[in-house]
Amino acid sequence: MDEIPSDVVWARRLVSGDEAALGEIYDAYGGLVYGLALRLTRSRELAEDVVQEVFSFLWERPAAFDPGKGTLRSWLGLLAHRRSVETVRREELRRRPAASDDMPLPGVDEAVTEELYREQIRGRVAEAVARLPEPLRQVVELAYYKGRTYRQVAAELGSPEGTVKSRIRAALKQIAEDLAEEGVTP
């Protein structure tokens, strides 16, 4: 059996415009993307559309995938999940334009789908927090993971409250930018 190239090698090849790399990635992960899309859309036609969208996105924006932030497999799975949910919602709106947005979508367990999405987002946020410079990471960990107010964070770190507020804003901005670069919208 042939050895699968590392995500880093594939990422470099995609960025350089190597079409063969896209084919190799499709061969390796096309089934995963299609299977996830089929499970969520319950339509072969829609699942095929999702696969095309995911791999077109990868080809058109290869730099959106960063091997330092996770595996290509998980990133493609996240894209497939998001695109599948978007596709199902779009189809439901097309079929029943007068339908309420609050109505459950047929064939999709919203609670499970939403929990999977939240779990993936939590992982991406945790990775983004880990990449923050130490002063920003400290305030985020204290404020959001340990539930401290900005005043408590300031007292605990011996920093002025204004500095803590600024660091929290800067950290949240950086996290949002990192997630946006990956195509993730929490």
Protein backbone atom coordinates (compact mmCIF):
# COMPACT_ATOMS: atom_id res chain seq x y z
CA MET A 1 0.00 0.00 0.00
CA ASP A 2 1.29 3.45 -0.90
CA GLU A 3 2.18 5.78 1.91
CA ILE A 4 -0.11 8.81 2.29
CA PRO A 5 1.79 12.12 2.08
CA SER A 6 1.73 14.26 5.19
CA ASP A 7 -0.72 17.12 5.44
CA VAL A 8 2.20 19.55 5.31
CA VAL A 9 3.40 18.11 1.98
CA TRP A 10 -0.10 18.23 0.53
CA ALA A 11 -0.63 21.80 1.76
CA ARG A 12 2.60 22.97 0.12
CA ARG A 13 1.72 21.21 -3.12
CA LEU A 14 -1.76 22.73 -3.19
CA VAL A 15 -0.46 26.23 -2.55
CA SER A 16 1.98 25.77 -5.44
CA GLY A 17 -0.94 24.81 -7.73
CA ASP A 18 -0.20 21.08 -7.99
CA GLU A 19 -3.42 19.57 -9.40
CA ALA A 20 -2.17 16.03 -8.70
CA ALA A 21 -2.16 16.86 -4.98
CA LEU A 22 -5.85 17.71 -5.15
CA GLY A 23 -6.50 14.36 -6.83
CA GLU A 24 -4.56 12.52 -4.16
CA ILE A 25 -6.43 14.31 -1.39
CA TYR A 26 -9.72 13.53 -3.09
CA ASP A 27 -8.73 9.86 -3.34
CA ALA A 28 -7.79 9.82 0.34
CA TYR A 29 -10.70 11.82 1.79
CA GLY A 30 -13.41 12.02 -0.89
CA GLY A 31 -15.21 9.05 0.65
CA LEU A 32 -15.14 10.63 4.09
CA VAL A 33 -16.53 13.92 2.80
CA TYR A 34 -19.19 12.17 0.70
CA GLY A 35 -20.20 9.86 3.56
CA LEU A 36 -20.61 12.72 6.00
CA ALA A 37 -22.50 14.79 3.42
CA LEU A 38 -24.77 11.87 2.53
CA ARG A 39 -25.54 11.18 6.18
CA LEU A 40 -26.49 14.81 6.77
CA THR A 41 -28.25 15.61 3.49
CA ARG A 42 -29.80 12.17 2.90
CA SER A 43 -29.50 12.84 -0.81
CA ARG A 44 -26.87 11.48 -3.18
CA GLU A 45 -27.25 14.50 -5.43
CA LEU A 46 -26.86 16.99 -2.59
CA ALA A 47 -23.97 15.01 -1.10
CA GLU A 48 -22.18 15.11 -4.45
CA ASP A 49 -22.73 18.88 -4.57
CA VAL A 50 -21.22 19.21 -1.09
CA VAL A 51 -18.17 17.16 -2.11
CA GLN A 52 -17.68 19.40 -5.12
CA GLU A 53 -18.02 22.54 -2.97
CA VAL A 54 -15.56 21.28 -0.36
CA PHE A 55 -12.87 20.28 -2.84
CA SER A 56 -13.42 23.41 -4.95
CA PHE A 57 -12.94 25.50 -1.81
CA LEU A 58 -9.74 23.59 -1.02
CA TRP A 59 -8.44 24.16 -4.55
CA GLU A 60 -9.42 27.83 -4.70
CA ARG A 61 -8.21 28.68 -1.18
CA PRO A 62 -5.46 26.18 -0.33
CA ALA A 63 -3.91 28.51 2.24
CA ALA A 64 -7.13 28.30 4.30
CA PHE A 65 -5.92 24.91 5.51
CA ASP A 66 -3.13 25.21 8.06
CA PRO A 67 -1.54 21.87 9.03
CA GLY A 68 -0.33 23.50 12.25
CA LYS A 69 -3.92 23.91 13.40
CA GLY A 70 -5.14 20.37 12.84
CA THR A 71 -5.30 17.54 10.37
CA LEU A 72 -6.52 17.82 6.81
CA ARG A 73 -8.99 15.04 7.56
CA SER A 74 -10.63 16.95 10.42
CA TRP A 75 -10.61 20.23 8.48
CA LEU A 76 -12.29 18.62 5.47
CA GLY A 77 -14.78 16.96 7.83
CA LEU A 78 -15.59 20.35 9.36
CA LEU A 79 -16.06 21.89 5.92
CA ALA A 80 -18.24 18.97 4.80
CA HIS A 81 -20.35 19.25 7.92
CA ARG A 82 -20.87 22.99 7.56
CA ARG A 83 -21.60 22.82 3.84
CA SER A 84 -24.01 19.91 4.35
CA VAL A 85 -25.99 21.75 7.01
CA GLU A 86 -26.05 24.88 4.83
CA THR A 87 -27.21 22.80 1.86
CA VAL A 88 -30.00 21.13 3.81
CA ARG A 89 -31.19 24.48 5.12
CA ARG A 90 -31.05 26.02 1.66
CA GLU A 91 -33.01 23.12 0.17
CA GLU A 92 -35.60 23.28 2.91
CA LEU A 93 -36.09 27.00 2.31
CA ARG A 94 -36.32 26.42 -1.43
CA ARG A 95 -38.97 23.73 -1.00
CA ARG A 96 -41.00 25.55 1.63
CA PRO A 97 -40.34 29.27 1.40
CA ALA A 98 -43.09 30.04 3.90
CA ALA A 99 -41.72 27.58 6.46
CA SER A 100 -40.57 28.88 9.82
CA ASP A 101 -36.83 28.99 10.44
CA ASP A 102 -37.49 27.29 13.76
CA MET A 103 -38.90 24.11 12.19
CA PRO A 104 -36.65 21.06 12.37
CA LEU A 105 -35.09 19.91 9.12
CA PRO A 106 -36.18 16.52 7.84
CA GLY A 107 -33.62 13.77 8.22
CA VAL A 108 -31.22 15.83 10.31
CA ASP A 109 -31.04 15.45 14.05
CA GLU A 110 -30.44 19.11 14.87
CA ALA A 111 -29.23 18.43 18.41
CA VAL A 112 -26.57 15.97 17.24
CA THR A 113 -25.55 18.14 14.30
CA GLU A 114 -25.31 21.25 16.46
CA GLU A 115 -23.32 19.42 19.17
CA LEU A 116 -20.84 18.07 16.59
CA TYR A 117 -20.40 21.54 15.20
CA ARG A 118 -19.94 23.07 18.66
CA GLU A 119 -17.39 20.41 19.57
CA GLN A 120 -15.37 21.20 16.45
CA ILE A 121 -15.60 24.92 17.15
CA ARG A 122 -14.49 24.40 20.77
CA GLY A 123 -11.43 22.56 19.51
CA ARG A 124 -10.60 25.30 17.02
CA VAL A 125 -11.04 27.99 19.68
CA ALA A 126 -8.80 26.10 22.11
CA GLU A 127 -6.12 25.86 19.40
CA ALA A 128 -6.44 29.59 18.68
CA VAL A 129 -6.16 30.40 22.40
CA ALA A 130 -3.05 28.21 22.70
CA ARG A 131 -1.39 30.23 19.90
CA LEU A 132 -1.95 33.59 21.62
CA PRO A 133 1.02 35.41 23.16
CA GLU A 134 1.32 34.66 26.89
CA PRO A 135 -0.18 37.95 28.22
CA LEU A 136 -3.27 37.55 26.01
CA ARG A 137 -3.59 33.83 26.70
CA GLN A 138 -3.44 34.43 30.47
CA VAL A 139 -6.35 36.86 30.51
CA VAL A 140 -8.50 34.68 28.26
CA GLU A 141 -7.85 31.58 30.34
CA LEU A 142 -8.70 33.37 33.56
CA ALA A 143 -11.74 35.21 32.21
CA TYR A 144 -13.30 32.53 30.05
CA TYR A 145 -12.03 29.18 31.28
CA LYS A 146 -11.96 30.04 34.99
CA GLY A 147 -14.95 32.41 34.97
CA ARG A 148 -13.21 35.43 36.47
CA THR A 149 -14.43 39.00 35.87
CA TYR A 150 -11.99 41.42 34.29
CA ARG A 151 -11.56 43.03 37.73
CA GLN A 152 -10.68 39.68 39.29
CA VAL A 153 -8.26 38.97 36.43
CA ALA A 154 -6.62 42.38 36.98
CA ALA A 155 -6.27 41.73 40.72
CA GLU A 156 -4.91 38.23 40.21
CA LEU A 157 -2.33 39.37 37.65
CA GLY A 158 -1.53 42.65 39.40
CA SER A 159 -2.37 44.54 36.21
CA PRO A 160 -4.49 47.66 35.69
CA GLU A 161 -8.11 46.95 34.76
CA GLY A 162 -7.76 48.91 31.52
CA THR A 163 -4.82 46.75 30.48
CA VAL A 164 -6.78 43.59 31.16
CA LYS A 165 -9.77 44.86 29.16
CA SER A 166 -7.49 45.76 26.24
CA ARG A 167 -5.82 42.37 26.34
CA ILE A 168 -9.15 40.56 26.40
CA ARG A 169 -10.36 42.58 23.38
CA ALA A 170 -7.10 41.98 21.51
CA ALA A 171 -7.22 38.25 22.30
CA LEU A 172 -10.83 37.89 21.16
CA LYS A 173 -10.06 39.79 17.97
CA GLN A 174 -7.08 37.52 17.24
CA ILE A 175 -9.12 34.38 17.91
CA ALA A 176 -11.90 35.61 15.60
CA GLU A 177 -9.37 36.38 12.86
CA ASP A 178 -7.75 32.95 13.22
CA LEU A 179 -11.14 31.23 12.97
CA ALA A 180 -12.17 33.36 9.98
CA GLU A 181 -8.95 32.39 8.16
CA GLU A 182 -9.99 28.76 8.57
CA GLY A 183 -13.48 29.46 7.30
CA VAL A 184 -14.99 28.80 10.72
CA THR A 185 -17.83 31.02 11.87
CA PRO A 186 -18.91 30.24 15.43
